[in-house]
Structure formats: C-alpha cells, structure tokens
Amino acid sequence: GVASYTSKFAATGELLAEFALPAGMYSFRGLWLP
C-alpha cells in the first residue's frame, strides 16, 4: 500500500523479489496476473 513496495514470497515466507515505486507514491494493491 502506502509503503510503496510490492513483494513476492515463497510459500514458506522467504523473500524472492521486491518491486518499489518512488517514495511518496503508492499502489492500492499489487497483483501478479496473466
């Protein structure tokens, strides 16, 4: 959300990837879709 990041995790909780908007920007949701 307002923290600007979207993260991809393994099912076990291990962080796999991060996507970051510039500071001061948000995305209400971050979804990975075909």
PDB file of all heavy atoms in Angstrom:
ATOM      1  N   GLY A   1       0.798  -1.217   0.000  1.00  0.00           N
ATOM      2  CA  GLY A   1       0.000   0.000   0.000  1.00  0.00           C
ATOM      3  C   GLY A   1       0.827   1.261   0.000  1.00  0.00           C
ATOM      4  O   GLY A   1       1.710   1.453  -0.833  1.00  0.00           O
ATOM      5  N   VAL A   2       0.547   2.156   0.964  1.00  0.00           N
ATOM      6  CA  VAL A   2       1.225   3.451   1.011  1.00  0.00           C
ATOM      7  C   VAL A   2       2.718   3.326   1.309  1.00  0.00           C
ATOM      8  O   VAL A   2       3.451   4.308   1.195  1.00  0.00           O
ATOM      9  CB  VAL A   2       0.567   4.390   2.041  1.00  0.00           C
ATOM     10  CG1 VAL A   2      -0.834   4.770   1.608  1.00  0.00           C
ATOM     11  CG2 VAL A   2       0.568   3.775   3.430  1.00  0.00           C
ATOM     12  N   ALA A   3       3.177   2.131   1.659  1.00  0.00           N
ATOM     13  CA  ALA A   3       4.609   1.927   1.897  1.00  0.00           C
ATOM     14  C   ALA A   3       5.382   1.741   0.592  1.00  0.00           C
ATOM     15  O   ALA A   3       6.602   1.514   0.626  1.00  0.00           O
ATOM     16  CB  ALA A   3       4.835   0.728   2.815  1.00  0.00           C
ATOM     17  N   SER A   4       4.713   1.792  -0.566  1.00  0.00           N
ATOM     18  CA  SER A   4       5.321   1.871  -1.899  1.00  0.00           C
ATOM     19  C   SER A   4       5.834   0.557  -2.469  1.00  0.00           C
ATOM     20  O   SER A   4       6.154   0.495  -3.657  1.00  0.00           O
ATOM     21  CB  SER A   4       6.479   2.899  -1.931  1.00  0.00           C
ATOM     22  OG  SER A   4       6.023   4.178  -1.554  1.00  0.00           O
ATOM     23  N   TYR A   5       5.948  -0.502  -1.695  1.00  0.00           N
ATOM     24  CA  TYR A   5       6.540  -1.758  -2.151  1.00  0.00           C
ATOM     25  C   TYR A   5       5.478  -2.792  -2.536  1.00  0.00           C
ATOM     26  O   TYR A   5       4.343  -2.774  -2.042  1.00  0.00           O
ATOM     27  CB  TYR A   5       7.403  -2.373  -1.052  1.00  0.00           C
ATOM     28  CG  TYR A   5       8.768  -1.752  -0.878  1.00  0.00           C
ATOM     29  CD1 TYR A   5       8.944  -0.607  -0.109  1.00  0.00           C
ATOM     30  CD2 TYR A   5       9.896  -2.316  -1.477  1.00  0.00           C
ATOM     31  CE1 TYR A   5      10.191  -0.033   0.059  1.00  0.00           C
ATOM     32  CE2 TYR A   5      11.155  -1.754  -1.309  1.00  0.00           C
ATOM     33  CZ  TYR A   5      11.298  -0.612  -0.542  1.00  0.00           C
ATOM     34  OH  TYR A   5      12.537  -0.053  -0.377  1.00  0.00           O
ATOM     35  N   THR A   6       5.886  -3.719  -3.402  1.00  0.00           N
ATOM     36  CA  THR A   6       5.189  -4.987  -3.618  1.00  0.00           C
ATOM     37  C   THR A   6       6.246  -6.076  -3.555  1.00  0.00           C
ATOM     38  O   THR A   6       7.312  -5.957  -4.167  1.00  0.00           O
ATOM     39  CB  THR A   6       4.480  -5.033  -4.980  1.00  0.00           C
ATOM     40  OG1 THR A   6       3.571  -3.944  -5.084  1.00  0.00           O
ATOM     41  CG2 THR A   6       3.714  -6.332  -5.143  1.00  0.00           C
ATOM     42  N   SER A   7       5.979  -7.152  -2.809  1.00  0.00           N
ATOM     43  CA  SER A   7       6.967  -8.212  -2.594  1.00  0.00           C
ATOM     44  C   SER A   7       6.416  -9.555  -3.032  1.00  0.00           C
ATOM     45  O   SER A   7       5.228  -9.824  -2.903  1.00  0.00           O
ATOM     46  CB  SER A   7       7.358  -8.294  -1.108  1.00  0.00           C
ATOM     47  OG  SER A   7       7.817  -7.054  -0.624  1.00  0.00           O
ATOM     48  N   LYS A   8       7.333 -10.393  -3.538  1.00  0.00           N
ATOM     49  CA  LYS A   8       6.982 -11.773  -3.870  1.00  0.00           C
ATOM     50  C   LYS A   8       7.716 -12.690  -2.894  1.00  0.00           C
ATOM     51  O   LYS A   8       8.933 -12.566  -2.692  1.00  0.00           O
ATOM     52  CB  LYS A   8       7.361 -12.117  -5.309  1.00  0.00           C
ATOM     53  CG  LYS A   8       7.037 -13.564  -5.689  1.00  0.00           C
ATOM     54  CD  LYS A   8       7.420 -13.879  -7.138  1.00  0.00           C
ATOM     55  CE  LYS A   8       6.382 -13.360  -8.094  1.00  0.00           C
ATOM     56  NZ  LYS A   8       6.627 -13.828  -9.491  1.00  0.00           N
ATOM     57  N   PHE A   9       6.949 -13.607  -2.280  1.00  0.00           N
ATOM     58  CA  PHE A   9       7.495 -14.528  -1.288  1.00  0.00           C
ATOM     59  C   PHE A   9       7.307 -15.970  -1.743  1.00  0.00           C
ATOM     60  O   PHE A   9       6.353 -16.288  -2.472  1.00  0.00           O
ATOM     61  CB  PHE A   9       6.777 -14.366   0.060  1.00  0.00           C
ATOM     62  CG  PHE A   9       6.999 -13.050   0.745  1.00  0.00           C
ATOM     63  CD1 PHE A   9       6.147 -11.976   0.512  1.00  0.00           C
ATOM     64  CD2 PHE A   9       8.046 -12.882   1.632  1.00  0.00           C
ATOM     65  CE1 PHE A   9       6.327 -10.763   1.146  1.00  0.00           C
ATOM     66  CE2 PHE A   9       8.240 -11.666   2.290  1.00  0.00           C
ATOM     67  CZ  PHE A   9       7.383 -10.601   2.043  1.00  0.00           C
ATOM     68  N   ALA A  10       8.189 -16.851  -1.267  1.00  0.00           N
ATOM     69  CA  ALA A  10       7.916 -18.280  -1.334  1.00  0.00           C
ATOM     70  C   ALA A  10       6.803 -18.582  -0.338  1.00  0.00           C
ATOM     71  O   ALA A  10       6.547 -17.811   0.596  1.00  0.00           O
ATOM     72  CB  ALA A  10       9.171 -19.073  -0.995  1.00  0.00           C
ATOM     73  N   ALA A  11       6.139 -19.715  -0.525  1.00  0.00           N
ATOM     74  CA  ALA A  11       5.038 -20.073   0.381  1.00  0.00           C
ATOM     75  C   ALA A  11       5.509 -20.148   1.827  1.00  0.00           C
ATOM     76  O   ALA A  11       4.729 -19.915   2.758  1.00  0.00           O
ATOM     77  CB  ALA A  11       4.434 -21.401  -0.050  1.00  0.00           C
ATOM     78  N   THR A  12       6.792 -20.455   2.021  1.00  0.00           N
ATOM     79  CA  THR A  12       7.357 -20.590   3.360  1.00  0.00           C
ATOM     80  C   THR A  12       7.721 -19.260   4.000  1.00  0.00           C
ATOM     81  O   THR A  12       8.172 -19.213   5.145  1.00  0.00           O
ATOM     82  CB  THR A  12       8.609 -21.464   3.302  1.00  0.00           C
ATOM     83  OG1 THR A  12       9.523 -20.905   2.336  1.00  0.00           O
ATOM     84  CG2 THR A  12       8.254 -22.887   2.892  1.00  0.00           C
ATOM     85  N   GLY A  13       7.567 -18.143   3.242  1.00  0.00           N
ATOM     86  CA  GLY A  13       7.871 -16.826   3.785  1.00  0.00           C
ATOM     87  C   GLY A  13       9.180 -16.240   3.337  1.00  0.00           C
ATOM     88  O   GLY A  13       9.505 -15.106   3.683  1.00  0.00           O
ATOM     89  N   GLU A  14       9.966 -16.973   2.535  1.00  0.00           N
ATOM     90  CA  GLU A  14      11.248 -16.461   2.051  1.00  0.00           C
ATOM     91  C   GLU A  14      11.012 -15.402   0.974  1.00  0.00           C
ATOM     92  O   GLU A  14      10.255 -15.606   0.030  1.00  0.00           O
ATOM     93  CB  GLU A  14      12.074 -17.602   1.469  1.00  0.00           C
ATOM     94  CG  GLU A  14      13.383 -17.162   0.829  1.00  0.00           C
ATOM     95  CD  GLU A  14      14.032 -18.261   0.009  1.00  0.00           C
ATOM     96  OE1 GLU A  14      13.457 -19.369  -0.067  1.00  0.00           O
ATOM     97  OE2 GLU A  14      15.107 -18.000  -0.567  1.00  0.00           O
ATOM     98  N   LEU A  15      11.666 -14.258   1.103  1.00  0.00           N
ATOM     99  CA  LEU A  15      11.525 -13.181   0.137  1.00  0.00           C
ATOM    100  C   LEU A  15      12.213 -13.546  -1.173  1.00  0.00           C
ATOM    101  O   LEU A  15      13.385 -13.937  -1.190  1.00  0.00           O
ATOM    102  CB  LEU A  15      12.122 -11.886   0.685  1.00  0.00           C
ATOM    103  CG  LEU A  15      12.054 -10.663  -0.241  1.00  0.00           C
ATOM    104  CD1 LEU A  15      10.603 -10.257  -0.489  1.00  0.00           C
ATOM    105  CD2 LEU A  15      12.848  -9.503   0.344  1.00  0.00           C
ATOM    106  N   LEU A  16      11.493 -13.406  -2.293  1.00  0.00           N
ATOM    107  CA  LEU A  16      12.027 -13.742  -3.611  1.00  0.00           C
ATOM    108  C   LEU A  16      12.292 -12.508  -4.469  1.00  0.00           C
ATOM    109  O   LEU A  16      13.228 -12.502  -5.259  1.00  0.00           O
ATOM    110  CB  LEU A  16      11.059 -14.667  -4.355  1.00  0.00           C
ATOM    111  CG  LEU A  16      10.742 -15.996  -3.688  1.00  0.00           C
ATOM    112  CD1 LEU A  16       9.691 -16.747  -4.502  1.00  0.00           C
ATOM    113  CD2 LEU A  16      11.999 -16.837  -3.533  1.00  0.00           C
ATOM    114  N   ALA A  17      11.449 -11.503  -4.353  1.00  0.00           N
ATOM    115  CA  ALA A  17      11.593 -10.328  -5.209  1.00  0.00           C
ATOM    116  C   ALA A  17      10.880  -9.147  -4.577  1.00  0.00           C
ATOM    117  O   ALA A  17       9.918  -9.313  -3.829  1.00  0.00           O
ATOM    118  CB  ALA A  17      11.018 -10.607  -6.597  1.00  0.00           C
ATOM    119  N   GLU A  18      11.368  -7.955  -4.922  1.00  0.00           N
ATOM    120  CA  GLU A  18      10.729  -6.727  -4.459  1.00  0.00           C
ATOM    121  C   GLU A  18      10.609  -5.746  -5.613  1.00  0.00           C
ATOM    122  O   GLU A  18      11.513  -5.631  -6.446  1.00  0.00           O
ATOM    123  CB  GLU A  18      11.533  -6.082  -3.324  1.00  0.00           C
ATOM    124  CG  GLU A  18      11.364  -6.764  -1.989  1.00  0.00           C
ATOM    125  CD  GLU A  18      11.998  -5.982  -0.863  1.00  0.00           C
ATOM    126  OE1 GLU A  18      13.070  -5.390  -1.072  1.00  0.00           O
ATOM    127  OE2 GLU A  18      11.419  -5.971   0.240  1.00  0.00           O
ATOM    128  N   PHE A  19       9.491  -5.060  -5.639  1.00  0.00           N
ATOM    129  CA  PHE A  19       9.236  -4.008  -6.609  1.00  0.00           C
ATOM    130  C   PHE A  19       8.901  -2.745  -5.822  1.00  0.00           C
ATOM    131  O   PHE A  19       8.063  -2.788  -4.923  1.00  0.00           O
ATOM    132  CB  PHE A  19       8.059  -4.369  -7.518  1.00  0.00           C
ATOM    133  CG  PHE A  19       8.219  -5.675  -8.251  1.00  0.00           C
ATOM    134  CD1 PHE A  19       7.946  -6.882  -7.619  1.00  0.00           C
ATOM    135  CD2 PHE A  19       8.647  -5.693  -9.572  1.00  0.00           C
ATOM    136  CE1 PHE A  19       8.091  -8.090  -8.288  1.00  0.00           C
ATOM    137  CE2 PHE A  19       8.790  -6.887 -10.252  1.00  0.00           C
ATOM    138  CZ  PHE A  19       8.509  -8.090  -9.608  1.00  0.00           C
ATOM    139  N   ALA A  20       9.530  -1.641  -6.178  1.00  0.00           N
ATOM    140  CA  ALA A  20       9.333  -0.421  -5.387  1.00  0.00           C
ATOM    141  C   ALA A  20       8.995   0.761  -6.289  1.00  0.00           C
ATOM    142  O   ALA A  20       9.720   1.054  -7.247  1.00  0.00           O
ATOM    143  CB  ALA A  20      10.577  -0.103  -4.573  1.00  0.00           C
ATOM    144  N   LEU A  21       7.892   1.423  -5.988  1.00  0.00           N
ATOM    145  CA  LEU A  21       7.587   2.712  -6.594  1.00  0.00           C
ATOM    146  C   LEU A  21       8.433   3.793  -5.927  1.00  0.00           C
ATOM    147  O   LEU A  21       8.932   3.599  -4.816  1.00  0.00           O
ATOM    148  CB  LEU A  21       6.103   3.032  -6.418  1.00  0.00           C
ATOM    149  CG  LEU A  21       5.127   2.230  -7.272  1.00  0.00           C
ATOM    150  CD1 LEU A  21       3.707   2.363  -6.724  1.00  0.00           C
ATOM    151  CD2 LEU A  21       5.180   2.689  -8.726  1.00  0.00           C
ATOM    152  N   PRO A  22       8.621   4.926  -6.579  1.00  0.00           N
ATOM    153  CA  PRO A  22       9.363   6.009  -5.927  1.00  0.00           C
ATOM    154  C   PRO A  22       8.700   6.426  -4.618  1.00  0.00           C
ATOM    155  O   PRO A  22       7.484   6.316  -4.454  1.00  0.00           O
ATOM    156  CB  PRO A  22       9.313   7.133  -6.961  1.00  0.00           C
ATOM    157  CG  PRO A  22       9.105   6.448  -8.272  1.00  0.00           C
ATOM    158  CD  PRO A  22       8.240   5.263  -7.964  1.00  0.00           C
ATOM    159  N   ALA A  23       9.498   6.899  -3.686  1.00  0.00           N
ATOM    160  CA  ALA A  23       8.978   7.365  -2.404  1.00  0.00           C
ATOM    161  C   ALA A  23       7.921   8.434  -2.631  1.00  0.00           C
ATOM    162  O   ALA A  23       8.053   9.288  -3.511  1.00  0.00           O
ATOM    163  CB  ALA A  23      10.114   7.920  -1.549  1.00  0.00           C
ATOM    164  N   GLY A  24       6.850   8.349  -1.846  1.00  0.00           N
ATOM    165  CA  GLY A  24       5.763   9.297  -1.993  1.00  0.00           C
ATOM    166  C   GLY A  24       4.671   8.840  -2.938  1.00  0.00           C
ATOM    167  O   GLY A  24       3.682   9.530  -3.129  1.00  0.00           O
ATOM    168  N   MET A  25       4.852   7.651  -3.539  1.00  0.00           N
ATOM    169  CA  MET A  25       3.832   7.066  -4.407  1.00  0.00           C
ATOM    170  C   MET A  25       3.339   5.758  -3.783  1.00  0.00           C
ATOM    171  O   MET A  25       4.059   5.110  -3.027  1.00  0.00           O
ATOM    172  CB  MET A  25       4.364   6.782  -5.804  1.00  0.00           C
ATOM    173  CG  MET A  25       4.817   7.992  -6.562  1.00  0.00           C
ATOM    174  SD  MET A  25       5.276   7.569  -8.256  1.00  0.00           S
ATOM    175  CE  MET A  25       6.192   9.039  -8.730  1.00  0.00           C
ATOM    176  N   TYR A  26       2.128   5.382  -4.124  1.00  0.00           N
ATOM    177  CA  TYR A  26       1.553   4.155  -3.586  1.00  0.00           C
ATOM    178  C   TYR A  26       0.834   3.408  -4.695  1.00  0.00           C
ATOM    179  O   TYR A  26       0.569   3.939  -5.771  1.00  0.00           O
ATOM    180  CB  TYR A  26       0.562   4.472  -2.466  1.00  0.00           C
ATOM    181  CG  TYR A  26      -0.657   5.241  -2.949  1.00  0.00           C
ATOM    182  CD1 TYR A  26      -1.695   4.605  -3.633  1.00  0.00           C
ATOM    183  CD2 TYR A  26      -0.763   6.612  -2.733  1.00  0.00           C
ATOM    184  CE1 TYR A  26      -2.792   5.307  -4.103  1.00  0.00           C
ATOM    185  CE2 TYR A  26      -1.867   7.320  -3.189  1.00  0.00           C
ATOM    186  CZ  TYR A  26      -2.873   6.658  -3.880  1.00  0.00           C
ATOM    187  OH  TYR A  26      -3.951   7.356  -4.354  1.00  0.00           O
ATOM    188  N   SER A  27       0.502   2.159  -4.409  1.00  0.00           N
ATOM    189  CA  SER A  27      -0.442   1.400  -5.224  1.00  0.00           C
ATOM    190  C   SER A  27      -1.399   0.734  -4.248  1.00  0.00           C
ATOM    191  O   SER A  27      -0.964   0.044  -3.323  1.00  0.00           O
ATOM    192  CB  SER A  27       0.259   0.360  -6.089  1.00  0.00           C
ATOM    193  OG  SER A  27      -0.674  -0.353  -6.889  1.00  0.00           O
ATOM    194  N   PHE A  28      -2.698   0.934  -4.440  1.00  0.00           N
ATOM    195  CA  PHE A  28      -3.687   0.391  -3.508  1.00  0.00           C
ATOM    196  C   PHE A  28      -3.488  -1.114  -3.329  1.00  0.00           C
ATOM    197  O   PHE A  28      -3.562  -1.643  -2.224  1.00  0.00           O
ATOM    198  CB  PHE A  28      -5.095   0.685  -4.027  1.00  0.00           C
ATOM    199  CG  PHE A  28      -6.189   0.367  -3.051  1.00  0.00           C
ATOM    200  CD1 PHE A  28      -6.467   1.226  -2.007  1.00  0.00           C
ATOM    201  CD2 PHE A  28      -6.946  -0.783  -3.175  1.00  0.00           C
ATOM    202  CE1 PHE A  28      -7.476   0.942  -1.094  1.00  0.00           C
ATOM    203  CE2 PHE A  28      -7.964  -1.072  -2.278  1.00  0.00           C
ATOM    204  CZ  PHE A  28      -8.224  -0.209  -1.231  1.00  0.00           C
ATOM    205  N   ARG A  29      -3.260  -1.817  -4.415  1.00  0.00           N
ATOM    206  CA  ARG A  29      -2.891  -3.233  -4.369  1.00  0.00           C
ATOM    207  C   ARG A  29      -1.766  -3.482  -5.357  1.00  0.00           C
ATOM    208  O   ARG A  29      -1.545  -2.695  -6.286  1.00  0.00           O
ATOM    209  CB  ARG A  29      -4.086  -4.134  -4.702  1.00  0.00           C
ATOM    210  CG  ARG A  29      -5.175  -4.093  -3.640  1.00  0.00           C
ATOM    211  CD  ARG A  29      -6.221  -5.193  -3.839  1.00  0.00           C
ATOM    212  NE  ARG A  29      -7.127  -5.236  -2.708  1.00  0.00           N
ATOM    213  CZ  ARG A  29      -8.335  -4.655  -2.669  1.00  0.00           C
ATOM    214  NH1 ARG A  29      -8.769  -3.993  -3.724  1.00  0.00           N
ATOM    215  NH2 ARG A  29      -9.091  -4.739  -1.602  1.00  0.00           N
ATOM    216  N   GLY A  30      -1.043  -4.601  -5.183  1.00  0.00           N
ATOM    217  CA  GLY A  30      -0.041  -5.045  -6.140  1.00  0.00           C
ATOM    218  C   GLY A  30      -0.329  -6.490  -6.474  1.00  0.00           C
ATOM    219  O   GLY A  30      -0.193  -7.361  -5.614  1.00  0.00           O
ATOM    220  N   LEU A  31      -0.742  -6.769  -7.717  1.00  0.00           N
ATOM    221  CA  LEU A  31      -1.192  -8.104  -8.102  1.00  0.00           C
ATOM    222  C   LEU A  31      -0.372  -8.625  -9.272  1.00  0.00           C
ATOM    223  O   LEU A  31      -0.062  -7.886 -10.210  1.00  0.00           O
ATOM    224  CB  LEU A  31      -2.673  -8.076  -8.493  1.00  0.00           C
ATOM    225  CG  LEU A  31      -3.650  -7.547  -7.438  1.00  0.00           C
ATOM    226  CD1 LEU A  31      -5.048  -7.432  -8.019  1.00  0.00           C
ATOM    227  CD2 LEU A  31      -3.645  -8.441  -6.194  1.00  0.00           C
ATOM    228  N   TRP A  32      -0.050  -9.919  -9.223  1.00  0.00           N
ATOM    229  CA  TRP A  32       0.664 -10.584 -10.319  1.00  0.00           C
ATOM    230  C   TRP A  32      -0.359 -11.406 -11.108  1.00  0.00           C
ATOM    231  O   TRP A  32      -0.928 -12.359 -10.587  1.00  0.00           O
ATOM    232  CB  TRP A  32       1.760 -11.484  -9.759  1.00  0.00           C
ATOM    233  CG  TRP A  32       2.675 -11.997 -10.822  1.00  0.00           C
ATOM    234  CD1 TRP A  32       2.562 -13.163 -11.525  1.00  0.00           C
ATOM    235  CD2 TRP A  32       3.862 -11.350 -11.295  1.00  0.00           C
ATOM    236  NE1 TRP A  32       3.592 -13.282 -12.410  1.00  0.00           N
ATOM    237  CE2 TRP A  32       4.410 -12.182 -12.299  1.00  0.00           C
ATOM    238  CE3 TRP A  32       4.498 -10.149 -10.984  1.00  0.00           C
ATOM    239  CZ2 TRP A  32       5.574 -11.844 -12.980  1.00  0.00           C
ATOM    240  CZ3 TRP A  32       5.666  -9.815 -11.671  1.00  0.00           C
ATOM    241  CH2 TRP A  32       6.194 -10.669 -12.655  1.00  0.00           C
ATOM    242  N   LEU A  33      -0.587 -11.008 -12.375  1.00  0.00           N
ATOM    243  CA  LEU A  33      -1.681 -11.586 -13.139  1.00  0.00           C
ATOM    244  C   LEU A  33      -1.260 -11.900 -14.570  1.00  0.00           C
ATOM    245  O   LEU A  33      -0.434 -11.179 -15.153  1.00  0.00           O
ATOM    246  CB  LEU A  33      -2.867 -10.603 -13.181  1.00  0.00           C
ATOM    247  CG  LEU A  33      -3.465 -10.206 -11.826  1.00  0.00           C
ATOM    248  CD1 LEU A  33      -4.379  -8.998 -11.987  1.00  0.00           C
ATOM    249  CD2 LEU A  33      -4.230 -11.380 -11.215  1.00  0.00           C
ATOM    250  N   PRO A  34      -1.825 -12.950 -15.157  1.00  0.00           N
ATOM    251  CA  PRO A  34      -1.557 -13.233 -16.570  1.00  0.00           C
ATOM    252  C   PRO A  34      -2.238 -12.195 -17.454  1.00  0.00           C
ATOM    253  O   PRO A  34      -3.310 -11.699 -17.124  1.00  0.00           O
ATOM    254  CB  PRO A  34      -2.171 -14.626 -16.774  1.00  0.00           C
ATOM    255  CG  PRO A  34      -3.256 -14.707 -15.743  1.00  0.00           C
ATOM    256  CD  PRO A  34      -2.757 -13.931 -14.555  1.00  0.00           C
TER     257      PRO A  34
END
